[in-house]
Every structure is written in C-alpha cells, then in structure tokens.
Amino acid sequence: MAQGVQGRITNGASGAAIPGVSIVVSNSTTGTTTDENGAYSLPLSAGSHTLRFSSLGFETRSVSVQTTNEKPVVLDVSMHESSSSLDEVVVVGSRSQTARTNIQTPVPVDVIGTKELKAFAQTDISQILNYAAPSFNSNRQTVADGTDHIDPISLRGLGPDQVLVLVNGKRRHTTALVNINGTFGRGTVGTDLNTIPAAAIERIEVLRDGAAAQYGSDAIAGVINLVLKKETPWTASLLYGQHASNTLGRSFADGQTTQFDLNKGYKVGSRGYINIGAQYLNRGATNRGGIDTRPLLYSGLPTRGANESESDFVNRYRVLKTDDDAKAQAAGLDRNNMLVGNSAIRNLGVLANGAFGIGKTAEMYFQTGFTDKQGKAAGFYRIPSQSTQIDLSIYPNGFLPTINTRVQDVSFSAGVRGQVGGWQFDLSNTFGQNRIRFDITNTVNASLPTGTSPTGFYAGTLRFAQNTVNADASKRHELSGVITALNTAFGAEFRMDSYEIQAGEELSYSFGQPSKNIEGRKIGTSFTAAGAQVFPGFKPSNALSKSRTNTGVYADFEAEFGPRLLLGAAGRYENYSDFGGNFSYKATGRYTLFRDISVRGALATGFRAPSLHQRFLNNESTQFVNNVPRQILTVNNDNSVVRQFGVGSLKPELTKTYSLGLVGKLGKGVTFSVDAYKILIKDRIVFSSQFVREADPSGIVNTILNTVDPNQQINSVQFFTNAISTRTLGLDVVLTDRIRIEKNSLTLTAAANFNNTKVTQIKGSDQIEKNADLYAKLFDRTEKSRFESSVPRSKINLSATYTAGRWDFLLRTVRFGKVTFISTTDPFNNDGTPRMVDGVPYPTANDQTFSAKWITDITVTYRFLKTVSASIGATNLFDVYPDQAYINPRNNATNLSGDPTTRYSGNLDNTSNGRFLYSRAVTQFGFNGRFLFGRVNVSF
C-alpha cells in the first residue's frame, strides 16, 4: 500500500481478534471491514482523518490519524464489549455529518444493541422493546380479530399511529389493519414491527421526541429506526421454550415456542457487502380463560311467571339446570370454552441489505424483505341457546369460531448516496406493501337454511401499499466566527399511498344467498345473523381501492457555537392530495455546562395525516356488548351516514411538543439522562363509541340506520372523527454504570418513564353536541380511559449484566405501573342517582385500577468456544399475573334465585360471563405467566 492506514482490531478484555468490524472515514463514504483475523487496511490520501470503528456488541470508537505519502500508518485498536446503549453513535434525530453519541444529541435517543436484542427470551421486536425501552409499550391482544396477530405499539403513552418507524433511515409502511375492537389503540393503524426479522438488526434507535418537521407525518411521539447489519460472520441461534405457570387454580404448560435465526454478511469487492438475515418463529396458543358462568347452555334463562311462587320457580329452574348439565356432560361440553391468551402464529421472514461502491465517492445501496405470517385466533364461543347465531344441526353443542389470518409483507428500497463538491447526497426509492387475508373456520352462516351452511369462508383481504421517493443533500461548513461549524441539509419527498378492501365470498357476508334466491332464515320473527359468525366477510359494497399522493420539502440547520453550544432548526412543508398542506417546525439546543454535563431541549410543532384506512374503512362486524352479540356497522368518513350526524371530513392532527433535559457522564463509567416533555395534540382522530338503536331516546340513530338497513339487523353504527384534544406530560430517566472488576465487567442500568395523558376536550358536531344522548356516545367513558389510563403511567427498568470468563449473567426486573379500566356503563345517572341494571345499582367496582407489578427475567450464558454458546433462562421468573378483574357475586353458575334482584346476571361486571378474569381492555404486561427457555448460539 502506497499510503494510508492498517492495523488489527481486538477485544479489549480477551485480546481476541474481532472480524467484521466496520471502519468508516468520517464525512465520507470511504471504508472497509476487518477480516477473520481482525486485520484491515485502508488506502487514504495524506492528511488528517477521523476513523469510526463499530461492530455488533461493542462500543463504537472514533480515532484520529495523520497519514503521509511515504508509508502506511499502523493503527491497532481495542474495543470493549457494550452492554449499555447510552453512548452508542446514533443516526436518527439529526442530519449532521458529525457522528454523535446519544448523550451528545439535543434530543433523547435510546439505543438497543445486539446483546439486548438476543439476551432474553422475547422473540419479536415489539416484545423486545416492551422490556428494554421504558417509554415503549406493547402487549399481545386477545379475542380482537386481526389485532390478535398484529401488536399495537405505544411510545410515551400515545397511539400506534403516532410513532414513525424507519429502517436504515427510510420510512417503513404501516399495516393494512385498523384496530377496531376493544383494545388499546382502537381506531388506529400502526406498523407491524414483527414482520422484520430480529436476526437482521444491528441495533434499534428510539428517538423520544416529536420529529414531524424532520421526518414528516406520524412522528408525533417519536421515531423508531431499525439499523440493519452489514458485514458479519455466520451467526445462528435456536430457541425453544414454553410457559410453565399456575393461576386460576390450574397449571399450564402451553405456548410452546420455537425460533430459529440465521444471519450472514458477505464482503463484495473492496467497498461492498451484502447481509442476509432470516427468522422462523412458531408460537403455540395460550389460554387463561375463566369458566363460563351461565347456568344454562342449551336453554334460555327462564322467566318467573306472574303467579308463580319463588319456590316453584326455583324448582322449575333446577330441573332445567339438571337437564342442561346432563346434556353438557353427555356431549363433553367444557365450560372452559374460550381461548383467552396468545394466538397461535407461524412467522417466516427474510431481510437482505447491501451496498456497492460506485467510483471513488459514491455507492449504491438496497434493502429488501419478505415476511409470511400465519395466525389462528378464536372468537367468542357460541352456546347452543344462542339460536340466532347457530345452526344446531351442524353444531348441536355450540362452537368456537376461529379467525385465520395470512399476513404477507414485502419491502424494497434502493438508492445512491455519495459526495459531490463537499455535499453528501442520497437519492432513494422505497416501496412497501402489507396484505392481510382473512379465512374464517369452524363457523356457520346462521341465516342459511338449516344444515346447508359451510363451516369455513374466505372473508376478504385488506391491502396497503406505499411508495416513497426521497432526495436529500447535506454539507458541513467549517467556519471561523461565532458559529464554528454549520451543517445544512435540504430534501424533498414524494409519497403515494394506496388502500384496498377486497370482498369475501358471498356466503361469508350474505343474509341467505341472494344469488340463488335463497331467503334468509328467521326464528319466529327474529332474524338470524348474516355472514360468517365471528367475522362477517367484506361485502362488494365494502370493496374499494383508494390512493393519494403527498409532496414534501424540508430544510434542516445545525450550528455549533464552539465546543459547548449546539443549536438546530428544521422546517417541513407537506401537501396531501386529499386534505391539503401543513407546515411544521422544530428548534433544538444543547449546552455543555461543564465537562461532560449538558442541558438540552427542543420545541416542535407536528402533525399526523389521517390514514387512508381511517378515511375509507367500512364493514360489518360481530361484537359482544354486555355479553350480547351485536352487528356493528362501520361507515367510512365520506359516507352519507356520517354526514347525517353532522360530522365533516377528517383533518390532520396538530401537535406541539416541548422537552428539556440534563444529560452527561459522571466519572469514567456513569452516564445519565433526565428528560421532561409535554405533548399537546389538537383534533385527535378517534373511532367513535357505538351509537346504538335502543339507547337513543331521540330516535335519530334508528332513523339513520333504517336508511341503510331496512331489515334492522344492524344494532349500532360507528365512525372516525376529529373529536378530542389531549395533553401528555412525562419524564424519562436513564442511568448506567460500568464497573471493571479485573478482567470481568459489571454493567448496571436503571431507566424509567413517568407519563400522564389527559383528554382536555371532547368536541362533536353541532348536531351531536345539542343532543345529550348522542354526545355521551361520541366518546364514552371506556374510550376516554383507553387514552388516559390503559397503558402504564410509569415503567421502571432495572438490569444488571455480569461477565466473568466464559459466563454471562443477565438479570432484569421491570415494574409495570398501574392501569385503570373505566366501564362503559356509568354507575350514576346525570342527576347523581344510581343507575339501575338488572334491578340493582350498577357496581362502582367495575371502574377498576390494576396495581403495579414487577416482572423479573434472568438469563445465564456459557461460551463453550468463542463461536459457540448456550443460554437458559426465564421470563417472568416469579410467575406474576395482573390483578384479576372484578366479578359480581351474581355472575355465578349456581345462582338459581327467583328474585329478579338476586338471580343470575352477567351484566353486572365486565368478565363476559366469567371468562375474562384478566382484563383485555388495558395494556400492562400480559397474562401468560412464567416462560422457560433454552437457546444455542453459533457463529462461524
């Protein structure tokens, strides 16, 4: 080599060579990687250069070097293993060409590195983040249709659609699914993090600050950037585990999980690489459902005759009960008839990315992925007495219908980046598509003639696609005045979104079979339910294909006033073809008080565009309300039904964000950050509560529904509207200490998030606001609690990692704060008197707070060789469960009283006849209990 730098990279603790280390020259695209012996060589012109050394699981280092034209400079570097993320170099949050760690950034950024991604038993990205990042929340949902298979996520207590997800800095598409059932994130559209193989990820950057002015719509709560691996040796891991738990007086051994990960990076030429990561996950279902408390399963509850004594009625009731129980016993009908827990899922995904040098100063890059995820979840059990929901000739003992989803997710991004005249440029195109097919099995269309219904139906397909074109340019200007350096960045974006609903087969949605002139079945004067039970298919009238475009431009400036003061400003204008334009801005700053202690802060405005899904979703669904199956009509925002409520077209959500923090290092090992924030959101889009026919004394709902449903099969209607404003206050704290004990190391981390969201305004149309009954149903008590108290208001993460020779010991305990569920039924009338339900005041205990809990995980790893290790461990080691939901004493299968104020009632609590003993309406940490696992890791 005529000139340049060469050397060897080793592990600072063991002295072993580190292959695959990425070495990049700052402010350029020049770089290389180490070979299997940790050696590297890099041609460089004579002068001063800064080299950045980074590798999976090691702390990134930046080293200055002076090269000459005479001979290569020898630069050997030792790197220390990283168990903490506080001083990782980050990409997200700034377009500066200067590499900064996340304690140097003007806004807070968490970094979850390779070790944390694979340290514990969490097998998918959403669950990894739920335990690793205190400001992030996500839990698997149950009995919630498609949401059983796509986990809603939350950052800083906000919704799934208020978090922007990037992959290698490029916008990731959302799913095709709208969460419409009674879960956290109801009415939102999020990104399915679990379609991205964890094996392909080098690190995850979580920007905890409003960033719409930098990245566009959705970045209200922050940004999650998944950084992919580059050149790495072969790595593979195999995990097997299952739940081993005790609760509800039973022992459980379920949720058997197998996960296989594989990743390999290939060097291509002197400046190119391709990395391929793949993951296979097979997760079994879990069930923590309670026992069905309805006294009678085959017969309806009897009614006491006007002249019948209580003793005569009770005796008649007992005879019915004895016969009913005998039928159930003979048929083997189990009262544990639900699947309340994780759905079964099989997930196969692959993701590749690479780059290739073009000339001396540019490179072409790409990333592409495909995921096929198949899930199977159950709905509500249909008991034999539910005559309008069942065909007894097919299912004489009732049935548990299942929803089968097939999620196919594809993505592709390609671009060219490099340097021209001191300017860094990046031109790219990114495409993504999410497609969800619904097949309903073990079900019937109860409206068909007796004995003729199929037991399985294709119910339709949802599809969302997004194509984004970006052009970005940035340059760092070294100056000699008050401003010592100025980074300027400019860019433009053109994005096209498309949303599609495809109809299911006729019998999946029909009442009878109109194409064959078969009328719908009645039982007496009652209509039977149309379409597939649990999930009626999309009708041809629901089918649609809609699209829109968006054009955006931005400018971003970051100025250094000497080594102590950093100020930034960004502005972005976007124009949508369906609702118009929006301008957002952001100002940031960081000032070094002394040594490594800095104060930082930001002020930003932002927005979130209404999704195409929220504008155009329309369907009918079966939902159980107060234990009664109802047909719910969802009408899209352009529908005339919505206009009859006086509600206009959707507008973007508008936000203001304020943050202030203190961050830095204490001594050599302790790093900390403390950041307070305030987020104000105006015109927040919500999915309305259900406007019910019989609950509307004014008759307006009945009149409106009769125009679209003359047969009066539809019980309720709901739609999207800009109805509320919210205020979120919070505090993030992270503290890390690294301790060297001879050749061993101990890393201690404490992190916490404290968060409080309040609904500050509920605003309806003039027509809704002048009608008290309509206004009460626009955004009811339960919907309000989903925003204010359904995710923990606090989360504390304490972890310790100890490395001693061949052993790694990892211990983590997370405190999930309290959550509160507010019942839809108000215990009191408007005049303050008790609300009577089934002859008694509605119990105030249904407004329930579930206490905070500590969940402890442990992993022990032994390295047999440098390339082979094995781990065993447990998640939720002490088998902790949330508090059980309140269950009313009258909700009891042995309650045969004839007194109407004491006899059986399932309407006095929210357990759905005793089957949901752990609330599914709040998001804390799930209710599956202890999980034991073993994992083998190999690299070669």
Foldseek 3Di string as FASTA:
>chain_A
DQKFEKEFEAAPQPRQGDWFKWKQWQLFLFTFTAHPRRIDTGDDAFAKIWIWTDDAQWAIDIDIDGMYRHYYHYDYYHIYGDPAQQFHFDDPDDPDSDTGGQLPHQFHKGKAFPCLLPVFDDFFDLQSCCFVPFQKFWDQFAQQFPSLPAIWMGGQLDGQQLEFEAEQNHTDDWALDARCDQAQRHRHTHHRRRQDGSLFFGMKMWGQAQDCLPVNFNQQRHYIYTYGDAADFKKKKWKWWFFFFDDPNDTDTFFTKIKIKIKHKDADPRNKIKIKIKMKMWTTAAAPWFFFFAQAQQADQDAADPPHDQVRLLVVRVVRSVVRVVVCVVVVPGRLAAGGARWTKIKIKMKMKMWDDDPDWKIKIKMKMKMKMKTKHWHDWRGNHPLLFDQCVVVVGTWIKMKIKIKIKIKMKIWMWTDDPQKTKIKMKIKIKIKMWIKMAQWFFSFEPHPPTDRIWGQWMKMKMKMKIKIKMKHKDQDDPQFRIKIKMKMKMKMKMKIWIGGIDQQQFDQYRVVVPGHTDDDVLHGRHGGIPQFRHFDPVLTDMDMKMKMKIKMKMWTDRPPFKIKIKMKMKMAIPPAGIDIKMKIKMWGAPDDFKIKIKMKIKGKHADDPCQQRGWDWGWDQDLLRTFIETEGGQVDVLVVLLVAHGADIKMKIKIKIKMWGADPDFKTKMKMKMKMKIALDKDKFFWDFQVLAPVRSQVVSVCVVCVVPRHGTYIHIGSFWIKMKIKMKMKMKGWDDDPSKIKIKIKIKMAMFMATPGTDDGPSQVVRVSSSCRGQHPQNRLSSGFQFARMKMKIKMWIDDVQKIKIKIKMKGAKGWGDDRDDQADPVGHGDDDLHHGQDPCQGDIKGIDMKMKIKMKGAPDPFKMKIKIKTSVVFDFIQWFDDDPLLRNPFSGNPSNRHHGSSRHDSSSRTRRDDSSGGTHTGSTMMIMMMMMGGD
